[in-house]
Amino acid sequence: MVDLPAPVAHHIERVLRLSAGDAVTLFDGRGSEFSARLLRSGKTLQADISGEARPQRESPLSVTLMQCLAASDKMDWIVQKAVELGVARVQPVVSRRAVVKLAGERAQRRVEHWQQIAVSACEQCGRNVVPEVTPLLTLPQALAGASGQRFVLHPEGGIPLKSAGLRADEALTVLIGPEGGFDDDELAVARAAGFRPLTLGPRVLRTETAGAAVLAALNTVIGDF
């Protein structure tokens, strides 16, 4: 028997419209799912767990979406859709032309908010491993910490995704620019850090479209689509 945290209880009762006696499936964010039945003890909603399973719903790819900051509601959408499309990690990045400026406690609160968006997206799409939304970094910091196959999405002069020599057995990092795009110096620094320009065609995608598009394309080419 476990007491359910207030946000979980609220989601179950107010969103899913379930109540004591109903069957539910809970997950721990690390790969396990639990069959349970709801109980109520006073004001506390509880779960009587009857079984555990570890179904595999993760993408075979390990993709870090390195996303430059976008306006708040757009960033929420980016995180949500990236999780639904199987991203392993979301790295928010500060760049020169970013519309949003975050630092200190405000930045920490936004990261915590995006992490909760990731949890909610897992609840919706059935993932039982919650991707990490990492602390906000400057572009040079983020580039220095990247490893594996590295790409920066760019509509001009980039490698077509189908010709990029992608490998499913090596981690990928994809860098997405802000609403105003990267300046030339930032692109040069990214290239010096081993990021190859990648294109999804001649059309310029909005920053909130680009991440979802590249994740879907990657899963189509070398993932589980």
Protein backbone atom coordinates (compact mmCIF):
# COMPACT_ATOMS: atom_id res chain seq x y z
CA MET A 1 0.00 0.00 0.00
CA VAL A 2 1.41 3.39 -0.95
CA ASP A 3 0.15 6.94 -0.49
CA LEU A 4 -0.04 8.73 -3.82
CA PRO A 5 1.59 12.19 -4.04
CA ALA A 6 -0.84 15.09 -4.33
CA PRO A 7 -0.09 15.86 -8.03
CA VAL A 8 -0.59 12.19 -8.96
CA ALA A 9 -3.82 11.98 -6.95
CA HIS A 10 -5.07 15.17 -8.59
CA HIS A 11 -4.35 13.79 -12.06
CA ILE A 12 -6.10 10.51 -11.28
CA GLU A 13 -9.20 12.08 -9.77
CA ARG A 14 -9.60 15.35 -11.69
CA VAL A 15 -8.21 14.45 -15.11
CA LEU A 16 -8.77 10.70 -15.45
CA ARG A 17 -11.95 10.84 -13.31
CA LEU A 18 -11.06 7.68 -11.40
CA SER A 19 -11.94 6.92 -7.78
CA ALA A 20 -11.52 4.33 -5.02
CA GLY A 21 -11.98 0.82 -6.34
CA ASP A 22 -10.76 1.57 -9.87
CA ALA A 23 -7.76 -0.22 -11.37
CA VAL A 24 -4.74 1.86 -12.41
CA THR A 25 -1.25 1.39 -13.77
CA LEU A 26 1.51 3.35 -12.04
CA PHE A 27 5.13 3.82 -13.13
CA ASP A 28 8.30 4.77 -11.28
CA GLY A 29 10.06 6.67 -14.10
CA ARG A 30 12.89 4.12 -14.19
CA GLY A 31 11.27 1.42 -16.32
CA SER A 32 8.87 -0.37 -13.98
CA GLU A 33 5.08 -0.39 -14.11
CA PHE A 34 2.77 -1.49 -11.33
CA SER A 35 -0.79 -2.83 -11.45
CA ALA A 36 -2.79 -1.36 -8.58
CA ARG A 37 -6.25 -0.60 -7.27
CA LEU A 38 -7.19 2.75 -5.77
CA LEU A 39 -8.16 3.08 -2.13
CA ARG A 40 -8.98 6.08 0.02
CA SER A 41 -7.87 6.70 3.59
CA GLY A 42 -9.41 9.97 4.76
CA LYS A 43 -8.17 12.67 2.40
CA THR A 44 -5.32 10.49 1.10
CA LEU A 45 -5.59 8.51 -2.12
CA GLN A 46 -3.71 5.24 -1.93
CA ALA A 47 -2.74 2.45 -4.30
CA ASP A 48 -2.83 -1.25 -3.43
CA ILE A 49 -0.12 -2.68 -5.70
CA SER A 50 -0.67 -6.20 -7.01
CA GLY A 51 1.99 -6.70 -9.67
CA GLU A 52 5.11 -5.31 -11.38
CA ALA A 53 6.22 -5.42 -15.01
CA ARG A 54 8.98 -3.86 -17.13
CA PRO A 55 7.56 -3.41 -20.65
CA GLN A 56 9.94 -1.97 -23.24
CA ARG A 57 8.62 1.25 -24.75
CA GLU A 58 11.84 3.23 -25.14
CA SER A 59 13.26 4.21 -28.49
CA PRO A 60 16.35 2.20 -29.48
CA LEU A 61 18.07 5.55 -30.04
CA SER A 62 19.73 7.65 -27.35
CA VAL A 63 19.08 11.21 -28.53
CA THR A 64 19.86 14.38 -26.61
CA LEU A 65 17.87 17.34 -27.88
CA MET A 66 20.02 20.40 -27.26
CA GLN A 67 17.35 23.08 -27.52
CA CYS A 68 18.05 26.81 -27.44
CA LEU A 69 15.51 28.66 -25.32
CA ALA A 70 12.20 29.54 -26.90
CA ALA A 71 9.27 31.51 -25.52
CA SER A 72 7.77 29.75 -22.50
CA ASP A 73 4.74 28.09 -24.09
CA LYS A 74 6.82 27.01 -27.08
CA MET A 75 9.43 25.44 -24.80
CA ASP A 76 6.69 23.52 -22.99
CA TRP A 77 5.47 22.18 -26.36
CA ILE A 78 9.01 21.26 -27.44
CA VAL A 79 9.65 19.23 -24.28
CA GLN A 80 6.25 17.53 -24.44
CA LYS A 81 6.58 16.44 -28.08
CA ALA A 82 10.23 15.42 -27.70
CA VAL A 83 9.26 13.06 -24.87
CA GLU A 84 6.40 11.59 -26.91
CA LEU A 85 8.85 10.99 -29.77
CA GLY A 86 11.32 9.10 -27.60
CA VAL A 87 14.00 11.64 -26.67
CA ALA A 88 16.47 10.43 -24.03
CA ARG A 89 17.41 13.86 -22.69
CA VAL A 90 16.55 17.52 -23.19
CA GLN A 91 19.32 20.09 -22.68
CA PRO A 92 18.04 23.70 -22.56
CA VAL A 93 20.63 26.14 -23.92
CA VAL A 94 21.16 29.91 -23.71
CA SER A 95 22.15 31.45 -27.05
CA ARG A 96 22.69 35.03 -28.20
CA ARG A 97 19.46 35.49 -30.13
CA ALA A 98 17.20 33.67 -27.68
CA VAL A 99 14.05 35.67 -26.96
CA VAL A 100 13.90 34.37 -23.38
CA LYS A 101 16.56 35.26 -20.82
CA LEU A 102 16.78 33.04 -17.74
CA ALA A 103 19.27 32.84 -14.88
CA GLY A 104 19.54 31.85 -11.21
CA GLU A 105 16.42 30.73 -9.36
CA ARG A 106 14.15 31.63 -12.26
CA ALA A 107 16.10 29.30 -14.54
CA GLN A 108 15.96 26.53 -11.94
CA ARG A 109 12.18 26.91 -11.59
CA ARG A 110 11.71 26.71 -15.35
CA VAL A 111 13.82 23.55 -15.58
CA GLU A 112 11.74 21.99 -12.78
CA HIS A 113 8.61 22.99 -14.69
CA TRP A 114 9.90 21.38 -17.90
CA GLN A 115 10.79 18.24 -15.97
CA GLN A 116 7.19 18.02 -14.80
CA ILE A 117 6.08 18.50 -18.42
CA ALA A 118 8.23 15.47 -19.25
CA VAL A 119 6.55 13.42 -16.51
CA SER A 120 3.09 14.40 -17.78
CA ALA A 121 4.07 13.52 -21.34
CA CYS A 122 5.18 10.07 -20.16
CA GLU A 123 1.82 9.59 -18.45
CA GLN A 124 0.08 10.46 -21.71
CA CYS A 125 2.18 8.40 -24.13
CA GLY A 126 2.87 5.34 -21.97
CA ARG A 127 6.62 5.75 -21.46
CA ASN A 128 7.79 4.37 -18.13
CA VAL A 129 11.26 5.97 -18.20
CA VAL A 130 11.19 9.74 -17.66
CA PRO A 131 13.79 11.63 -19.74
CA GLU A 132 15.91 14.13 -17.86
CA VAL A 133 15.60 17.85 -18.52
CA THR A 134 19.10 18.99 -17.58
CA PRO A 135 20.08 22.32 -15.97
CA LEU A 136 20.28 25.32 -18.28
CA LEU A 137 23.72 25.85 -19.87
CA THR A 138 25.31 28.46 -22.09
CA LEU A 139 26.00 27.34 -25.64
CA PRO A 140 29.79 26.91 -25.08
CA GLN A 141 29.11 24.85 -21.92
CA ALA A 142 26.63 22.63 -23.72
CA LEU A 143 28.89 22.10 -26.72
CA ALA A 144 31.82 21.16 -24.48
CA GLY A 145 29.78 18.42 -22.78
CA ALA A 146 28.44 16.80 -25.95
CA SER A 147 29.59 13.39 -27.14
CA GLY A 148 28.73 10.75 -29.71
CA GLN A 149 27.30 11.78 -33.09
CA ARG A 150 26.75 15.55 -33.05
CA PHE A 151 24.63 17.60 -35.42
CA VAL A 152 23.38 21.16 -35.63
CA LEU A 153 20.20 21.61 -37.62
CA HIS A 154 20.75 24.12 -40.40
CA PRO A 155 18.76 24.63 -43.62
CA GLU A 156 21.71 25.84 -45.73
CA GLY A 157 24.67 23.69 -46.65
CA GLY A 158 23.82 20.86 -44.28
CA ILE A 159 24.02 17.11 -44.84
CA PRO A 160 20.66 15.50 -45.70
CA LEU A 161 19.68 13.27 -42.81
CA LYS A 162 19.51 10.17 -45.01
CA SER A 163 23.14 10.78 -46.06
CA ALA A 164 24.56 11.54 -42.61
CA GLY A 165 25.92 8.06 -41.88
CA LEU A 166 23.75 7.69 -38.77
CA ARG A 167 24.29 4.78 -36.40
CA ALA A 168 21.66 3.50 -33.98
CA ASP A 169 24.26 2.06 -31.60
CA GLU A 170 25.89 5.42 -30.80
CA ALA A 171 24.40 8.32 -28.86
CA LEU A 172 23.25 11.33 -30.87
CA THR A 173 23.08 15.01 -29.93
CA VAL A 174 21.05 17.40 -32.07
CA LEU A 175 21.41 21.16 -31.55
CA ILE A 176 18.40 23.35 -32.41
CA GLY A 177 18.70 27.13 -32.66
CA PRO A 178 16.41 29.80 -31.13
CA GLU A 179 13.68 31.78 -32.88
CA GLY A 180 16.27 34.20 -34.28
CA GLY A 181 18.65 31.44 -35.39
CA PHE A 182 22.36 31.15 -34.66
CA ASP A 183 24.79 33.87 -35.59
CA ASP A 184 27.86 33.01 -37.66
CA ASP A 185 30.19 32.87 -34.64
CA GLU A 186 27.93 30.40 -32.84
CA LEU A 187 27.78 28.14 -35.88
CA ALA A 188 31.57 28.27 -36.16
CA VAL A 189 31.96 27.32 -32.48
CA ALA A 190 29.50 24.44 -32.91
CA ARG A 191 31.40 23.14 -35.92
CA ALA A 192 34.68 23.39 -34.02
CA ALA A 193 33.07 21.26 -31.28
CA GLY A 194 32.35 18.51 -33.79
CA PHE A 195 28.76 19.39 -34.70
CA ARG A 196 28.03 18.68 -38.35
CA PRO A 197 25.36 20.77 -40.10
CA LEU A 198 22.25 18.70 -40.76
CA THR A 199 19.34 19.62 -43.01
CA LEU A 200 15.77 18.37 -43.20
CA GLY A 201 15.24 20.02 -46.58
CA PRO A 202 15.31 23.54 -48.00
CA ARG A 203 12.48 24.88 -45.83
CA VAL A 204 13.28 26.84 -42.66
CA LEU A 205 11.55 25.22 -39.69
CA ARG A 206 10.43 27.12 -36.62
CA THR A 207 12.40 26.26 -33.49
CA GLU A 208 9.34 24.58 -31.96
CA THR A 209 8.91 22.42 -35.10
CA ALA A 210 12.53 21.46 -35.66
CA GLY A 211 13.10 19.20 -32.65
CA ALA A 212 9.95 17.16 -33.21
CA ALA A 213 10.72 16.89 -36.93
CA VAL A 214 14.26 15.64 -36.46
CA LEU A 215 13.26 13.14 -33.76
CA ALA A 216 10.53 11.72 -35.98
CA ALA A 217 12.95 11.56 -38.91
CA LEU A 218 15.63 9.82 -36.84
CA ASN A 219 13.17 7.22 -35.63
CA THR A 220 12.07 6.65 -39.21
CA VAL A 221 15.60 6.23 -40.58
CA ILE A 222 17.30 4.25 -37.78
CA GLY A 223 14.80 3.99 -34.93
CA ASP A 224 11.54 2.16 -34.26
CA PHE A 225 9.11 3.82 -36.68
